[in-house]
Amino acid sequence: MVRIYTLTLAPSLDSATITPQIYPEGKLRCTAPVFEPGGGGINVARAIAHLGGSATAIFPAGGATGEHLVSLLADENVPVATVEAKDWTRQNLHVHVEASGEQYRFCYARRGIK
């Protein structure tokens, strides 16, 4: 059997939540977040695993977000090979607004990138 490896240079820990409406300056009550692994190569490895195959996801991981990302992939039986990163793995936030049906996607910059 052919071994498959994917390389993800910018992995992410994606979180998603739902709020009834959005408006400035007030507290917005949201559902508990749902966390998922993110990044191109990671998504390919996950898809292969969901189809019954196996692919090793190679990516840099750092800090608590990197540990959470590795844990989520273990839960999905996706093998990983990580390279220790100096900074925490980046995190993204997706917010779905029930009233309008809109989705807001907040992508935090990695350190050193403007």
N, C-alpha and C. Protein backbone atom coordinates (compact mmCIF):
# COMPACT_ATOMS: atom_id res chain seq x y z
N MET A 1 0.84 -1.18 0.00
CA MET A 1 0.00 0.00 0.00
C MET A 1 0.88 1.25 0.00
N VAL A 2 0.51 2.22 -0.75
CA VAL A 2 1.25 3.48 -0.86
C VAL A 2 1.01 4.32 0.39
N ARG A 3 2.09 4.85 0.96
CA ARG A 3 1.96 5.74 2.10
C ARG A 3 1.68 7.15 1.59
N ILE A 4 0.78 7.83 2.28
CA ILE A 4 0.43 9.20 1.92
C ILE A 4 0.82 10.12 3.06
N TYR A 5 1.48 11.20 2.71
CA TYR A 5 1.85 12.24 3.68
C TYR A 5 1.34 13.57 3.16
N THR A 6 0.81 14.38 4.06
CA THR A 6 0.41 15.74 3.68
C THR A 6 1.25 16.72 4.48
N LEU A 7 1.53 17.86 3.88
CA LEU A 7 2.31 18.90 4.54
C LEU A 7 1.45 20.15 4.66
N THR A 8 1.30 20.64 5.88
CA THR A 8 0.53 21.85 6.13
C THR A 8 1.46 22.88 6.75
N LEU A 9 1.70 23.97 6.03
CA LEU A 9 2.61 25.00 6.52
C LEU A 9 1.93 25.97 7.48
N ALA A 10 0.62 26.13 7.36
CA ALA A 10 -0.11 27.06 8.22
C ALA A 10 -1.32 26.36 8.84
N PRO A 11 -1.07 25.42 9.77
CA PRO A 11 -2.19 24.72 10.41
C PRO A 11 -2.97 25.68 11.30
N SER A 12 -4.19 25.28 11.64
CA SER A 12 -4.98 26.13 12.53
C SER A 12 -5.90 25.29 13.39
N LEU A 13 -6.24 25.86 14.53
CA LEU A 13 -7.28 25.31 15.39
C LEU A 13 -8.50 26.18 15.13
N ASP A 14 -9.50 25.63 14.46
CA ASP A 14 -10.69 26.39 14.10
C ASP A 14 -11.77 26.20 15.16
N SER A 15 -12.40 27.30 15.55
CA SER A 15 -13.52 27.21 16.48
C SER A 15 -14.73 27.88 15.83
N ALA A 16 -15.90 27.33 16.11
CA ALA A 16 -17.13 27.87 15.54
C ALA A 16 -18.18 27.99 16.63
N THR A 17 -19.01 29.02 16.49
CA THR A 17 -20.08 29.26 17.45
C THR A 17 -21.26 29.91 16.74
N ILE A 18 -22.39 29.98 17.44
CA ILE A 18 -23.60 30.59 16.90
C ILE A 18 -24.09 31.63 17.90
N THR A 19 -24.55 32.77 17.38
CA THR A 19 -25.14 33.80 18.22
C THR A 19 -26.45 34.25 17.56
N PRO A 20 -27.47 34.61 18.37
CA PRO A 20 -28.75 35.01 17.78
C PRO A 20 -28.64 36.25 16.89
N GLN A 21 -27.88 37.24 17.33
CA GLN A 21 -27.70 38.47 16.55
C GLN A 21 -26.37 39.10 16.91
N ILE A 22 -25.95 40.06 16.11
CA ILE A 22 -24.68 40.73 16.38
C ILE A 22 -24.90 42.24 16.34
N TYR A 23 -24.31 42.91 17.30
CA TYR A 23 -24.42 44.37 17.39
C TYR A 23 -23.19 44.87 18.16
N PRO A 24 -22.83 46.15 17.96
CA PRO A 24 -21.61 46.67 18.59
C PRO A 24 -21.75 46.89 20.09
N GLU A 25 -20.65 46.70 20.78
CA GLU A 25 -20.42 47.06 22.17
C GLU A 25 -21.18 46.25 23.22
N GLY A 26 -22.14 45.46 22.86
CA GLY A 26 -22.85 44.64 23.84
C GLY A 26 -22.22 43.27 23.97
N LYS A 27 -22.57 42.58 25.04
CA LYS A 27 -22.12 41.19 25.18
C LYS A 27 -22.97 40.32 24.28
N LEU A 28 -22.33 39.52 23.48
CA LEU A 28 -23.03 38.63 22.56
C LEU A 28 -22.99 37.22 23.13
N ARG A 29 -24.12 36.69 23.48
CA ARG A 29 -24.21 35.33 24.01
C ARG A 29 -24.09 34.35 22.85
N CYS A 30 -23.21 33.38 23.02
CA CYS A 30 -22.93 32.41 21.96
C CYS A 30 -23.07 30.99 22.50
N THR A 31 -23.22 30.06 21.58
CA THR A 31 -23.22 28.65 21.95
C THR A 31 -21.80 28.25 22.34
N ALA A 32 -21.68 27.11 23.00
CA ALA A 32 -20.35 26.59 23.33
C ALA A 32 -19.59 26.36 22.03
N PRO A 33 -18.31 26.67 21.99
CA PRO A 33 -17.57 26.52 20.73
C PRO A 33 -17.37 25.06 20.34
N VAL A 34 -17.31 24.84 19.05
CA VAL A 34 -16.97 23.54 18.47
C VAL A 34 -15.59 23.72 17.84
N PHE A 35 -14.66 22.83 18.15
CA PHE A 35 -13.29 22.93 17.65
C PHE A 35 -13.04 21.88 16.58
N GLU A 36 -12.32 22.29 15.53
CA GLU A 36 -11.95 21.38 14.45
C GLU A 36 -10.54 21.69 13.97
N PRO A 37 -9.82 20.66 13.52
CA PRO A 37 -8.50 20.89 12.93
C PRO A 37 -8.65 21.63 11.60
N GLY A 38 -7.69 22.49 11.28
CA GLY A 38 -7.75 23.21 10.02
C GLY A 38 -6.39 23.33 9.35
N GLY A 39 -6.42 23.66 8.08
CA GLY A 39 -5.22 23.78 7.26
C GLY A 39 -5.33 22.82 6.09
N GLY A 40 -4.87 23.25 4.93
CA GLY A 40 -5.06 22.47 3.70
C GLY A 40 -4.66 21.01 3.77
N GLY A 41 -3.42 20.73 4.10
CA GLY A 41 -2.95 19.34 4.15
C GLY A 41 -3.64 18.54 5.24
N ILE A 42 -3.92 19.18 6.36
CA ILE A 42 -4.64 18.51 7.45
C ILE A 42 -6.03 18.12 6.99
N ASN A 43 -6.70 19.01 6.25
CA ASN A 43 -8.04 18.69 5.75
C ASN A 43 -8.00 17.52 4.77
N VAL A 44 -6.95 17.44 3.96
CA VAL A 44 -6.80 16.31 3.03
C VAL A 44 -6.61 15.01 3.81
N ALA A 45 -5.74 15.02 4.83
CA ALA A 45 -5.51 13.82 5.64
C ALA A 45 -6.79 13.39 6.35
N ARG A 46 -7.56 14.35 6.84
CA ARG A 46 -8.84 14.03 7.50
C ARG A 46 -9.81 13.39 6.52
N ALA A 47 -9.89 13.94 5.30
CA ALA A 47 -10.80 13.39 4.29
C ALA A 47 -10.41 11.96 3.94
N ILE A 48 -9.12 11.70 3.79
CA ILE A 48 -8.66 10.35 3.49
C ILE A 48 -9.04 9.40 4.62
N ALA A 49 -8.87 9.83 5.87
CA ALA A 49 -9.24 9.00 7.02
C ALA A 49 -10.74 8.73 7.05
N HIS A 50 -11.54 9.73 6.73
CA HIS A 50 -13.00 9.55 6.72
C HIS A 50 -13.44 8.59 5.62
N LEU A 51 -12.62 8.47 4.58
CA LEU A 51 -12.93 7.54 3.49
C LEU A 51 -12.35 6.15 3.73
N GLY A 52 -11.72 5.95 4.90
CA GLY A 52 -11.20 4.64 5.25
C GLY A 52 -9.73 4.44 4.97
N GLY A 53 -9.06 5.45 4.45
CA GLY A 53 -7.63 5.35 4.17
C GLY A 53 -6.81 5.89 5.33
N SER A 54 -5.53 6.07 5.07
CA SER A 54 -4.64 6.61 6.09
C SER A 54 -3.65 7.57 5.43
N ALA A 55 -3.50 8.74 6.03
CA ALA A 55 -2.51 9.72 5.57
C ALA A 55 -1.92 10.38 6.81
N THR A 56 -0.63 10.53 6.83
CA THR A 56 0.04 11.18 7.95
C THR A 56 0.11 12.68 7.68
N ALA A 57 -0.41 13.46 8.62
CA ALA A 57 -0.38 14.92 8.50
C ALA A 57 0.89 15.45 9.15
N ILE A 58 1.70 16.15 8.37
CA ILE A 58 2.94 16.75 8.87
C ILE A 58 2.71 18.26 8.98
N PHE A 59 2.99 18.82 10.16
CA PHE A 59 2.75 20.26 10.35
C PHE A 59 3.47 20.76 11.59
N PRO A 60 3.75 22.08 11.66
CA PRO A 60 4.31 22.65 12.88
C PRO A 60 3.20 22.83 13.91
N ALA A 61 3.51 22.56 15.18
CA ALA A 61 2.53 22.73 16.25
C ALA A 61 3.22 23.34 17.46
N GLY A 62 2.54 24.31 18.07
CA GLY A 62 3.13 24.95 19.24
C GLY A 62 2.08 25.36 20.25
N GLY A 63 2.47 25.35 21.51
CA GLY A 63 1.61 25.82 22.60
C GLY A 63 0.38 24.97 22.82
N ALA A 64 -0.54 25.51 23.62
CA ALA A 64 -1.77 24.80 23.96
C ALA A 64 -2.65 24.57 22.74
N THR A 65 -2.66 25.53 21.80
CA THR A 65 -3.48 25.34 20.60
C THR A 65 -2.92 24.22 19.72
N GLY A 66 -1.60 24.10 19.68
CA GLY A 66 -0.99 23.00 18.93
C GLY A 66 -1.31 21.65 19.56
N GLU A 67 -1.26 21.60 20.90
CA GLU A 67 -1.61 20.36 21.60
C GLU A 67 -3.06 19.98 21.36
N HIS A 68 -3.95 20.99 21.37
CA HIS A 68 -5.37 20.73 21.13
C HIS A 68 -5.57 20.20 19.70
N LEU A 69 -4.88 20.79 18.74
CA LEU A 69 -4.96 20.35 17.35
C LEU A 69 -4.53 18.89 17.21
N VAL A 70 -3.42 18.53 17.82
CA VAL A 70 -2.92 17.15 17.77
C VAL A 70 -3.94 16.20 18.41
N SER A 71 -4.53 16.62 19.52
CA SER A 71 -5.54 15.80 20.22
C SER A 71 -6.78 15.57 19.35
N LEU A 72 -7.23 16.62 18.67
CA LEU A 72 -8.40 16.48 17.80
C LEU A 72 -8.13 15.52 16.65
N LEU A 73 -6.92 15.57 16.10
CA LEU A 73 -6.57 14.65 15.02
C LEU A 73 -6.46 13.21 15.53
N ALA A 74 -5.97 13.03 16.75
CA ALA A 74 -5.92 11.69 17.35
C ALA A 74 -7.34 11.14 17.51
N ASP A 75 -8.28 12.01 17.90
CA ASP A 75 -9.68 11.59 18.04
C ASP A 75 -10.26 11.10 16.72
N GLU A 76 -9.73 11.61 15.60
CA GLU A 76 -10.20 11.21 14.27
C GLU A 76 -9.32 10.12 13.65
N ASN A 77 -8.39 9.59 14.44
CA ASN A 77 -7.47 8.54 13.97
C ASN A 77 -6.63 8.98 12.77
N VAL A 78 -6.20 10.24 12.80
CA VAL A 78 -5.31 10.76 11.76
C VAL A 78 -3.89 10.77 12.34
N PRO A 79 -2.97 9.98 11.78
CA PRO A 79 -1.59 10.00 12.27
C PRO A 79 -0.94 11.35 11.99
N VAL A 80 -0.09 11.79 12.92
CA VAL A 80 0.58 13.08 12.75
C VAL A 80 2.08 12.94 12.96
N ALA A 81 2.81 13.85 12.34
CA ALA A 81 4.24 14.03 12.59
C ALA A 81 4.41 15.54 12.72
N THR A 82 4.67 15.99 13.94
CA THR A 82 4.74 17.44 14.16
C THR A 82 6.17 17.92 14.27
N VAL A 83 6.35 19.16 13.91
CA VAL A 83 7.60 19.87 14.10
C VAL A 83 7.30 20.91 15.17
N GLU A 84 8.12 20.94 16.23
CA GLU A 84 7.85 21.88 17.32
C GLU A 84 7.98 23.32 16.82
N ALA A 85 6.94 24.11 17.08
CA ALA A 85 6.94 25.52 16.69
C ALA A 85 7.20 26.39 17.91
N LYS A 86 7.90 27.47 17.70
CA LYS A 86 8.22 28.41 18.78
C LYS A 86 6.94 29.09 19.29
N ASP A 87 6.07 29.47 18.37
CA ASP A 87 4.83 30.17 18.72
C ASP A 87 3.66 29.19 18.76
N TRP A 88 2.58 29.62 19.39
CA TRP A 88 1.36 28.81 19.43
C TRP A 88 0.81 28.66 18.01
N THR A 89 0.17 27.53 17.76
CA THR A 89 -0.53 27.31 16.50
C THR A 89 -1.65 28.33 16.40
N ARG A 90 -1.84 28.89 15.20
CA ARG A 90 -2.85 29.94 15.05
C ARG A 90 -4.25 29.40 15.27
N GLN A 91 -5.16 30.31 15.58
CA GLN A 91 -6.54 29.95 15.84
C GLN A 91 -7.45 30.84 15.00
N ASN A 92 -8.53 30.26 14.50
CA ASN A 92 -9.54 31.00 13.75
C ASN A 92 -10.87 30.89 14.47
N LEU A 93 -11.71 31.90 14.31
CA LEU A 93 -13.04 31.90 14.93
C LEU A 93 -14.08 32.16 13.86
N HIS A 94 -15.08 31.28 13.78
CA HIS A 94 -16.18 31.42 12.84
C HIS A 94 -17.45 31.64 13.66
N VAL A 95 -18.18 32.72 13.35
CA VAL A 95 -19.41 33.04 14.08
C VAL A 95 -20.57 33.08 13.10
N HIS A 96 -21.58 32.25 13.33
CA HIS A 96 -22.80 32.25 12.52
C HIS A 96 -23.85 33.06 13.26
N VAL A 97 -24.46 34.03 12.57
CA VAL A 97 -25.49 34.88 13.16
C VAL A 97 -26.85 34.35 12.70
N GLU A 98 -27.64 33.86 13.66
CA GLU A 98 -28.92 33.24 13.32
C GLU A 98 -29.89 34.21 12.65
N ALA A 99 -29.99 35.44 13.16
CA ALA A 99 -30.99 36.39 12.66
C ALA A 99 -30.79 36.72 11.18
N SER A 100 -29.55 36.84 10.74
CA SER A 100 -29.27 37.25 9.36
C SER A 100 -28.79 36.10 8.47
N GLY A 101 -28.34 35.02 9.08
CA GLY A 101 -27.77 33.92 8.31
C GLY A 101 -26.33 34.19 7.88
N GLU A 102 -25.78 35.32 8.30
CA GLU A 102 -24.41 35.67 7.93
C GLU A 102 -23.40 34.87 8.74
N GLN A 103 -22.20 34.74 8.18
CA GLN A 103 -21.11 34.10 8.89
C GLN A 103 -19.91 35.05 8.88
N TYR A 104 -19.33 35.23 10.06
CA TYR A 104 -18.13 36.04 10.20
C TYR A 104 -16.97 35.11 10.47
N ARG A 105 -15.86 35.33 9.76
CA ARG A 105 -14.69 34.47 9.90
C ARG A 105 -13.51 35.33 10.33
N PHE A 106 -13.12 35.17 11.59
CA PHE A 106 -12.01 35.92 12.15
C PHE A 106 -10.77 35.03 12.13
N CYS A 107 -9.73 35.51 11.45
CA CYS A 107 -8.49 34.76 11.34
C CYS A 107 -7.38 35.56 12.02
N TYR A 108 -6.90 35.04 13.13
CA TYR A 108 -5.85 35.74 13.87
C TYR A 108 -4.53 35.60 13.12
N ALA A 109 -3.76 36.68 13.10
CA ALA A 109 -2.45 36.65 12.46
C ALA A 109 -1.47 35.89 13.33
N ARG A 110 -0.53 35.23 12.68
CA ARG A 110 0.55 34.60 13.43
C ARG A 110 1.53 35.68 13.85
N ARG A 111 2.27 35.43 14.89
CA ARG A 111 3.27 36.41 15.35
C ARG A 111 4.25 36.70 14.24
N GLY A 112 4.64 37.96 14.14
CA GLY A 112 5.61 38.36 13.14
C GLY A 112 5.02 38.60 11.77
N ILE A 113 3.71 38.37 11.61
CA ILE A 113 3.06 38.59 10.32
C ILE A 113 2.05 39.72 10.50
N LYS A 114 2.13 40.70 9.62
CA LYS A 114 1.21 41.85 9.72
C LYS A 114 0.24 41.85 8.58
